[in-house]
């Protein structure tokens, strides 16, 4: 494993006291309450995804790494103030600008400048627990404090080549716990799917060419809940994702046996261009298979094929239990039992 440190430095920002001239009377002197942030250092870790057949007991705390799977993340915090919850309001952007360095704040600000750091304007000399949350969503817009029960609204992009995993981190600490050195460990909250296909030997005599493949009817919107570390409010099951576009083709010859070593990867995108992605990143969920009679809204793979020169539309029912932070290899063995028509009948008897 690689080891390195990412540091984010925030330096104290002091609001200036407004000064009055000698001619001002004391009671009319305007004042500005001092607002400052203590220095903050962030160490960035990332737990890797695990294979679906890997034992969960083998998972361990990730090391500090020198390469992350994201280019930016956003920070939010809240704490219990004297009267109500206090929080930063707008997510703080951070951007990696070099080896071991991230810029915090707006692009025109230097790292460590501006209104960023560990908050100290608690009042009454408090040293409260501050709850920190980080995520890699675009602009951090999915985050909601929800009165101290925070969550992220997340949507899976309809274009599979744009798929990105959701990574989150959170920690609750006092500044004095580590004098502002905060360690964030990011965890993967989507499931990753990689698809492979081959022709089954029970249709050995058939020549099969696959021109396009789409995955249909997985939930593509949901809410990740920080406190319970789970997903809820899943919707959008009328989704579809391209695994092979019409400009690509996978051909299996007639009268040839194909073994386990002959599976061909279905890229998420165009097989013959650079617009492809090895994985679909999906919201964790239980996926029920399509059946035109009993579950017409279930999941399936839709394939456009030529079989012995004839155009065919093939339905392959798909079911799975997808867990967060897990990679799945999906092997599709096209044969008599898996290739169905729109009415759910077998194409080959």
Protein backbone atom coordinates (compact mmCIF):
# COMPACT_ATOMS: atom_id res chain seq x y z
CA UNK A 1 0.00 0.00 0.00
CA UNK A 2 1.13 3.57 -0.61
CA UNK A 3 1.70 5.95 2.23
CA UNK A 4 1.75 9.72 2.21
CA UNK A 5 -0.05 12.59 3.87
CA UNK A 6 -2.52 15.10 2.60
CA UNK A 7 -2.66 18.22 4.70
CA UNK A 8 -5.12 21.03 4.67
CA UNK A 9 -3.93 24.02 6.63
CA UNK A 10 -6.33 26.60 7.92
CA UNK A 11 -4.94 29.60 9.74
CA UNK A 12 -6.71 31.86 12.16
CA UNK A 13 -8.84 34.58 10.69
CA UNK A 14 -9.49 37.57 12.92
CA UNK A 15 -12.29 40.00 12.30
CA UNK A 16 -10.99 43.54 12.77
CA UNK A 17 -12.43 45.73 15.44
CA UNK A 18 -13.87 48.85 13.90
CA UNK A 19 -12.03 51.88 15.15
CA UNK A 20 -13.55 55.23 16.04
CA UNK A 21 -12.01 58.63 15.73
CA UNK A 22 -11.28 60.79 18.77
CA UNK A 23 -14.37 62.81 17.99
CA UNK A 24 -16.76 59.85 18.36
CA UNK A 25 -18.57 59.46 21.64
CA UNK A 26 -18.10 56.04 23.26
CA UNK A 27 -21.69 54.80 23.08
CA UNK A 28 -21.84 55.41 19.32
CA UNK A 29 -18.65 53.48 18.58
CA UNK A 30 -19.52 50.57 16.25
CA UNK A 31 -17.96 47.24 17.15
CA UNK A 32 -17.64 43.92 15.34
CA UNK A 33 -17.70 40.70 17.32
CA UNK A 34 -14.41 38.88 16.98
CA UNK A 35 -14.70 35.79 14.79
CA UNK A 36 -11.79 33.43 14.34
CA UNK A 37 -10.85 29.93 13.32
CA UNK A 38 -8.10 27.89 14.86
CA UNK A 39 -5.53 26.13 12.66
CA UNK A 40 -6.76 22.82 11.28
CA UNK A 41 -4.80 19.99 9.70
CA UNK A 42 -6.61 17.21 7.84
CA UNK A 43 -5.10 13.82 7.09
CA UNK A 44 -6.95 12.08 4.26
CA UNK A 45 -7.43 8.30 4.20
CA UNK A 46 -9.49 6.16 1.85
CA UNK A 47 -10.71 2.64 2.52
CA UNK A 48 -10.59 0.56 -0.67
CA UNK A 49 -13.58 -1.23 -2.11
CA UNK A 50 -13.65 -4.97 -1.47
CA UNK A 51 -14.50 -7.77 -3.88
CA UNK A 52 -17.87 -9.41 -3.33
CA UNK A 53 -16.18 -12.68 -2.38
CA UNK A 54 -13.74 -11.05 0.05
CA UNK A 55 -14.24 -11.65 3.77
CA UNK A 56 -15.39 -8.52 5.55
CA UNK A 57 -13.10 -9.40 8.44
CA UNK A 58 -10.16 -8.70 6.16
CA UNK A 59 -11.08 -5.02 5.99
CA UNK A 60 -8.93 -2.71 8.03
CA UNK A 61 -8.30 0.98 8.46
CA UNK A 62 -6.87 2.47 5.30
CA UNK A 63 -3.43 4.04 5.31
CA UNK A 64 -2.88 7.64 4.43
CA UNK A 65 -2.62 7.52 0.67
CA UNK A 66 -0.96 9.60 -2.01
CA UNK A 67 -3.63 8.98 -4.65
CA UNK A 68 -7.36 9.30 -4.05
CA UNK A 69 -10.19 8.34 -6.37
CA UNK A 70 -11.61 11.86 -6.18
CA UNK A 71 -10.27 15.26 -7.20
CA UNK A 72 -12.15 17.39 -4.68
CA UNK A 73 -14.25 17.07 -1.56
CA UNK A 74 -16.42 19.36 0.52
CA UNK A 75 -16.43 19.99 4.26
CA UNK A 76 -19.38 20.77 6.53
CA UNK A 77 -19.51 21.06 10.29
CA UNK A 78 -21.98 21.71 13.05
CA UNK A 79 -21.86 21.87 16.84
CA UNK A 80 -24.27 22.60 19.67
CA UNK A 81 -23.96 26.30 20.41
CA UNK A 82 -25.18 28.13 23.50
CA UNK A 83 -28.73 28.26 22.13
CA UNK A 84 -28.98 26.20 18.92
CA UNK A 85 -26.95 24.31 16.38
CA UNK A 86 -24.21 26.31 14.71
CA UNK A 87 -22.85 25.34 11.32
CA UNK A 88 -20.92 26.65 8.35
CA UNK A 89 -23.97 26.90 6.07
CA UNK A 90 -22.20 26.65 2.71
CA UNK A 91 -19.98 23.62 2.01
CA UNK A 92 -16.29 24.44 2.06
CA UNK A 93 -14.59 23.32 -1.17
CA UNK A 94 -11.19 21.66 -1.12
CA UNK A 95 -9.14 20.96 -4.22
CA UNK A 96 -5.92 19.02 -4.58
CA UNK A 97 -3.34 21.37 -6.08
CA UNK A 98 -0.18 19.29 -5.76
CA UNK A 99 1.43 16.39 -4.02
CA UNK A 100 0.24 16.39 -0.43
CA UNK A 101 -1.62 19.71 -0.69
CA UNK A 102 -5.25 20.69 -1.04
CA UNK A 103 -6.58 24.20 -1.50
CA UNK A 104 -9.47 25.13 0.78
CA UNK A 105 -12.01 27.78 -0.09
CA UNK A 106 -12.65 29.72 -3.25
CA UNK A 107 -10.22 29.43 -6.14
CA UNK A 108 -9.01 33.00 -5.72
CA UNK A 109 -8.00 32.42 -2.10
CA UNK A 110 -4.75 30.98 -0.89
CA UNK A 111 -4.84 27.75 1.10
CA UNK A 112 -5.33 28.64 4.73
CA UNK A 113 -6.72 32.06 3.99
CA UNK A 114 -10.20 33.43 4.50
CA UNK A 115 -13.00 32.31 6.71
CA UNK A 116 -12.00 28.64 7.15
CA UNK A 117 -10.67 26.45 9.96
CA UNK A 118 -11.78 25.04 13.30
CA UNK A 119 -14.55 27.34 14.61
CA UNK A 120 -14.03 29.01 17.99
CA UNK A 121 -16.93 31.46 18.26
CA UNK A 122 -18.85 29.21 20.66
CA UNK A 123 -19.35 31.73 23.45
CA UNK A 124 -18.99 31.07 27.21
CA UNK A 125 -15.53 29.52 26.74
CA UNK A 126 -16.89 26.23 25.42
CA UNK A 127 -14.79 23.51 23.85
CA UNK A 128 -17.63 21.50 22.28
CA UNK A 129 -17.61 18.44 20.11
CA UNK A 130 -17.63 19.58 16.50
CA UNK A 131 -19.22 17.22 13.99
CA UNK A 132 -17.37 17.21 10.67
CA UNK A 133 -18.74 15.76 7.42
CA UNK A 134 -17.03 15.43 4.06
CA UNK A 135 -18.22 14.16 0.68
CA UNK A 136 -17.21 14.22 -2.98
CA UNK A 137 -20.56 15.24 -4.51
CA UNK A 138 -20.54 18.05 -7.05
CA UNK A 139 -20.25 21.35 -5.16
CA UNK A 140 -21.28 19.52 -1.99
CA UNK A 141 -24.88 20.38 -2.86
CA UNK A 142 -26.33 17.03 -1.81
CA UNK A 143 -25.55 17.58 1.89
CA UNK A 144 -28.32 18.57 4.29
CA UNK A 145 -27.86 19.20 8.03
CA UNK A 146 -31.43 18.11 8.73
CA UNK A 147 -31.35 19.58 12.25
CA UNK A 148 -28.41 17.45 13.31
CA UNK A 149 -29.42 14.28 11.48
CA UNK A 150 -27.42 14.87 8.28
CA UNK A 151 -27.85 13.10 4.97
CA UNK A 152 -26.79 13.35 1.32
CA UNK A 153 -29.21 13.28 -1.59
CA UNK A 154 -27.50 11.33 -4.37
CA UNK A 155 -28.39 10.56 -7.98
CA UNK A 156 -26.72 8.15 -10.38
CA UNK A 157 -25.91 9.84 -13.68
CA UNK A 158 -27.93 8.50 -16.61
CA UNK A 159 -24.76 8.32 -18.71
CA UNK A 160 -22.72 5.39 -17.52
CA UNK A 161 -19.47 6.94 -18.72
CA UNK A 162 -20.01 9.72 -16.14
CA UNK A 163 -20.58 7.41 -13.17
CA UNK A 164 -18.81 8.32 -9.96
CA UNK A 165 -18.86 6.67 -6.59
CA UNK A 166 -20.08 8.48 -3.49
CA UNK A 167 -17.32 8.80 -0.90
CA UNK A 168 -18.01 10.19 2.55
CA UNK A 169 -16.17 10.74 5.81
CA UNK A 170 -17.23 12.05 9.18
CA UNK A 171 -15.74 12.50 12.62
CA UNK A 172 -16.74 14.15 15.90
CA UNK A 173 -13.95 15.76 17.95
CA UNK A 174 -13.01 18.63 20.19
CA UNK A 175 -10.23 20.86 18.96
CA UNK A 176 -8.24 19.94 22.06
CA UNK A 177 -8.43 16.20 21.29
CA UNK A 178 -5.61 16.53 18.77
CA UNK A 179 -4.98 20.27 18.73
CA UNK A 180 -6.76 20.57 15.42
CA UNK A 181 -5.23 17.58 13.64
CA UNK A 182 -8.24 15.84 12.13
CA UNK A 183 -8.08 12.46 10.42
CA UNK A 184 -10.79 11.79 7.82
CA UNK A 185 -11.25 8.29 6.43
CA UNK A 186 -13.35 8.22 3.27
CA UNK A 187 -15.49 5.18 2.57
CA UNK A 188 -17.19 4.07 -0.64
CA UNK A 189 -20.97 4.19 -0.36
CA UNK A 190 -21.98 2.88 -3.78
CA UNK A 191 -21.69 -0.63 -5.19
CA UNK A 192 -19.52 -1.18 -8.29
CA UNK A 193 -20.68 -3.55 -11.04
CA UNK A 194 -18.54 -4.94 -13.83
CA UNK A 195 -20.23 -7.09 -16.50
CA UNK A 196 -18.87 -9.95 -18.62
CA UNK A 197 -20.56 -12.02 -21.32
CA UNK A 198 -19.98 -15.22 -23.30
CA UNK A 199 -22.01 -17.73 -25.30
CA UNK A 200 -23.16 -20.89 -23.52
CA UNK A 201 -22.27 -24.24 -25.05
CA UNK A 202 -25.93 -25.35 -25.12
CA UNK A 203 -26.27 -23.08 -28.17
CA UNK A 204 -22.89 -24.10 -29.58
CA UNK A 205 -24.19 -24.33 -33.15
CA UNK A 206 -25.40 -20.71 -33.15
CA UNK A 207 -23.40 -17.68 -34.29
CA UNK A 208 -24.19 -14.81 -31.91
CA UNK A 209 -23.10 -11.20 -32.38
CA UNK A 210 -24.03 -8.68 -29.68
CA UNK A 211 -24.36 -5.09 -30.90
CA UNK A 212 -25.69 -3.29 -27.83
CA UNK A 213 -26.46 -3.98 -24.18
CA UNK A 214 -28.48 -1.88 -21.72
CA UNK A 215 -29.18 -2.48 -18.02
CA UNK A 216 -32.72 -1.46 -17.03
CA UNK A 217 -34.71 -0.67 -13.89
CA UNK A 218 -32.32 -0.16 -10.98
CA UNK A 219 -33.04 2.61 -8.47
CA UNK A 220 -30.93 5.64 -9.33
CA UNK A 221 -31.84 8.16 -6.63
CA UNK A 222 -31.57 7.86 -2.87
CA UNK A 223 -30.55 9.35 0.44
CA UNK A 224 -27.39 8.34 2.28
CA UNK A 225 -27.83 8.82 6.05
CA UNK A 226 -24.66 9.61 7.98
CA UNK A 227 -25.88 8.62 11.44
CA UNK A 228 -27.17 5.18 10.48
CA UNK A 229 -24.71 4.57 7.62
CA UNK A 230 -27.46 3.33 5.32
CA UNK A 231 -29.55 4.32 2.32
CA UNK A 232 -33.23 5.23 2.19
CA UNK A 233 -35.82 6.89 -0.08
CA UNK A 234 -34.76 4.89 -3.16
CA UNK A 235 -36.59 5.97 -6.32
CA UNK A 236 -36.16 6.18 -10.10
CA UNK A 237 -36.39 2.53 -11.09
CA UNK A 238 -37.17 3.37 -14.73
CA UNK A 239 -33.46 3.96 -15.36
CA UNK A 240 -31.27 2.44 -18.06
CA UNK A 241 -27.51 2.28 -18.54
CA UNK A 242 -25.51 1.48 -21.65
CA UNK A 243 -23.00 -1.37 -21.25
CA UNK A 244 -22.24 -1.73 -24.95
CA UNK A 245 -23.16 0.81 -27.62
CA UNK A 246 -24.25 0.11 -31.16
CA UNK A 247 -20.83 1.14 -32.49
CA UNK A 248 -19.26 -1.82 -30.74
CA UNK A 249 -19.82 -5.53 -31.34
CA UNK A 250 -18.93 -8.80 -29.63
CA UNK A 251 -19.01 -11.88 -31.86
CA UNK A 252 -19.19 -15.55 -30.80
CA UNK A 253 -18.64 -18.06 -33.59
CA UNK A 254 -20.86 -20.99 -34.48
CA UNK A 255 -19.69 -24.54 -33.66
CA UNK A 256 -17.12 -23.33 -31.16
CA UNK A 257 -17.02 -24.08 -27.44
CA UNK A 258 -16.40 -21.19 -25.08
CA UNK A 259 -14.88 -21.70 -21.62
CA UNK A 260 -14.79 -19.68 -18.43
CA UNK A 261 -11.70 -17.96 -19.81
CA UNK A 262 -13.64 -16.59 -22.78
CA UNK A 263 -15.84 -14.07 -20.99
CA UNK A 264 -15.64 -10.63 -22.63
CA UNK A 265 -15.95 -7.48 -20.55
CA UNK A 266 -18.89 -5.18 -21.24
CA UNK A 267 -17.60 -1.67 -20.75
CA UNK A 268 -19.93 0.98 -19.44
CA UNK A 269 -19.91 2.98 -22.64
CA UNK A 270 -18.49 2.54 -26.12
CA UNK A 271 -16.28 -0.52 -26.55
CA UNK A 272 -14.42 1.08 -29.44
CA UNK A 273 -13.76 4.54 -28.03
CA UNK A 274 -12.18 6.14 -25.00
CA UNK A 275 -15.62 7.01 -23.60
CA UNK A 276 -15.87 4.00 -21.35
CA UNK A 277 -15.84 3.10 -17.70
CA UNK A 278 -15.06 -0.31 -16.22
CA UNK A 279 -17.73 -0.01 -13.53
CA UNK A 280 -21.27 1.09 -13.03
CA UNK A 281 -21.56 2.78 -9.63
CA UNK A 282 -25.02 2.06 -8.27
CA UNK A 283 -26.88 2.86 -5.06
CA UNK A 284 -26.90 -0.20 -2.74
CA UNK A 285 -30.21 -2.04 -3.11
CA UNK A 286 -31.92 -5.36 -3.52
CA UNK A 287 -32.62 -5.85 -7.22
CA UNK A 288 -35.51 -8.10 -8.27
CA UNK A 289 -35.49 -9.72 -11.70
CA UNK A 290 -37.86 -8.76 -14.48
CA UNK A 291 -40.76 -11.01 -15.39
CA UNK A 292 -43.40 -9.71 -17.84
CA UNK A 293 -46.18 -11.52 -15.97
CA UNK A 294 -45.18 -11.20 -12.29
CA UNK A 295 -42.68 -8.33 -12.10
CA UNK A 296 -42.81 -6.14 -15.22
CA UNK A 297 -40.84 -3.37 -13.47
CA UNK A 298 -37.99 -5.67 -12.49
CA UNK A 299 -34.42 -5.43 -13.72
CA UNK A 300 -33.09 -6.91 -16.94
CA UNK A 301 -30.38 -6.60 -19.58
CA UNK A 302 -31.67 -5.67 -23.01
CA UNK A 303 -29.49 -6.88 -25.88
CA UNK A 304 -29.61 -6.21 -29.59
CA UNK A 305 -28.15 -9.29 -31.29
CA UNK A 306 -27.75 -11.09 -34.58
CA UNK A 307 -28.26 -14.83 -34.24
CA UNK A 308 -27.34 -16.79 -37.35
CA UNK A 309 -27.80 -13.55 -39.28
CA UNK A 310 -31.27 -12.74 -37.91
CA UNK A 311 -31.90 -9.65 -35.78
CA UNK A 312 -33.10 -10.49 -32.26
CA UNK A 313 -33.98 -8.46 -29.17
CA UNK A 314 -32.95 -10.47 -26.10
CA UNK A 315 -34.07 -9.98 -22.49
CA UNK A 316 -31.87 -11.35 -19.69
CA UNK A 317 -33.48 -11.04 -16.20
CA UNK A 318 -31.12 -9.59 -13.59
CA UNK A 319 -31.27 -9.86 -9.80
CA UNK A 320 -28.72 -9.00 -7.11
CA UNK A 321 -28.19 -7.76 -3.58
CA UNK A 322 -25.84 -4.78 -3.87
CA UNK A 323 -23.94 -3.60 -0.79
CA UNK A 324 -22.03 -0.39 -0.30
CA UNK A 325 -18.28 -0.48 -0.79
CA UNK A 326 -18.36 -3.82 -2.64
CA UNK A 327 -17.30 -4.64 -6.22
CA UNK A 328 -19.31 -7.23 -8.15
CA UNK A 329 -18.34 -9.14 -11.27
CA UNK A 330 -21.50 -10.12 -13.15
CA UNK A 331 -21.06 -13.04 -15.58
CA UNK A 332 -23.75 -13.46 -18.25
CA UNK A 333 -23.72 -16.88 -19.89
CA UNK A 334 -26.00 -16.49 -22.90
CA UNK A 335 -27.87 -19.70 -23.56
CA UNK A 336 -31.21 -21.47 -23.59
CA UNK A 337 -32.22 -20.58 -20.03
CA UNK A 338 -31.07 -16.93 -20.01
CA UNK A 339 -32.13 -15.56 -23.41
CA UNK A 340 -35.81 -14.54 -23.39
CA UNK A 341 -38.05 -12.57 -25.72
CA UNK A 342 -40.27 -9.64 -24.71
CA UNK A 343 -43.03 -12.00 -23.62
CA UNK A 344 -40.65 -13.84 -21.32
CA UNK A 345 -40.50 -16.99 -23.44
CA UNK A 346 -37.21 -18.75 -24.18
CA UNK A 347 -35.71 -17.91 -27.56
CA UNK A 348 -34.14 -21.36 -27.75
CA UNK A 349 -35.91 -24.52 -26.54
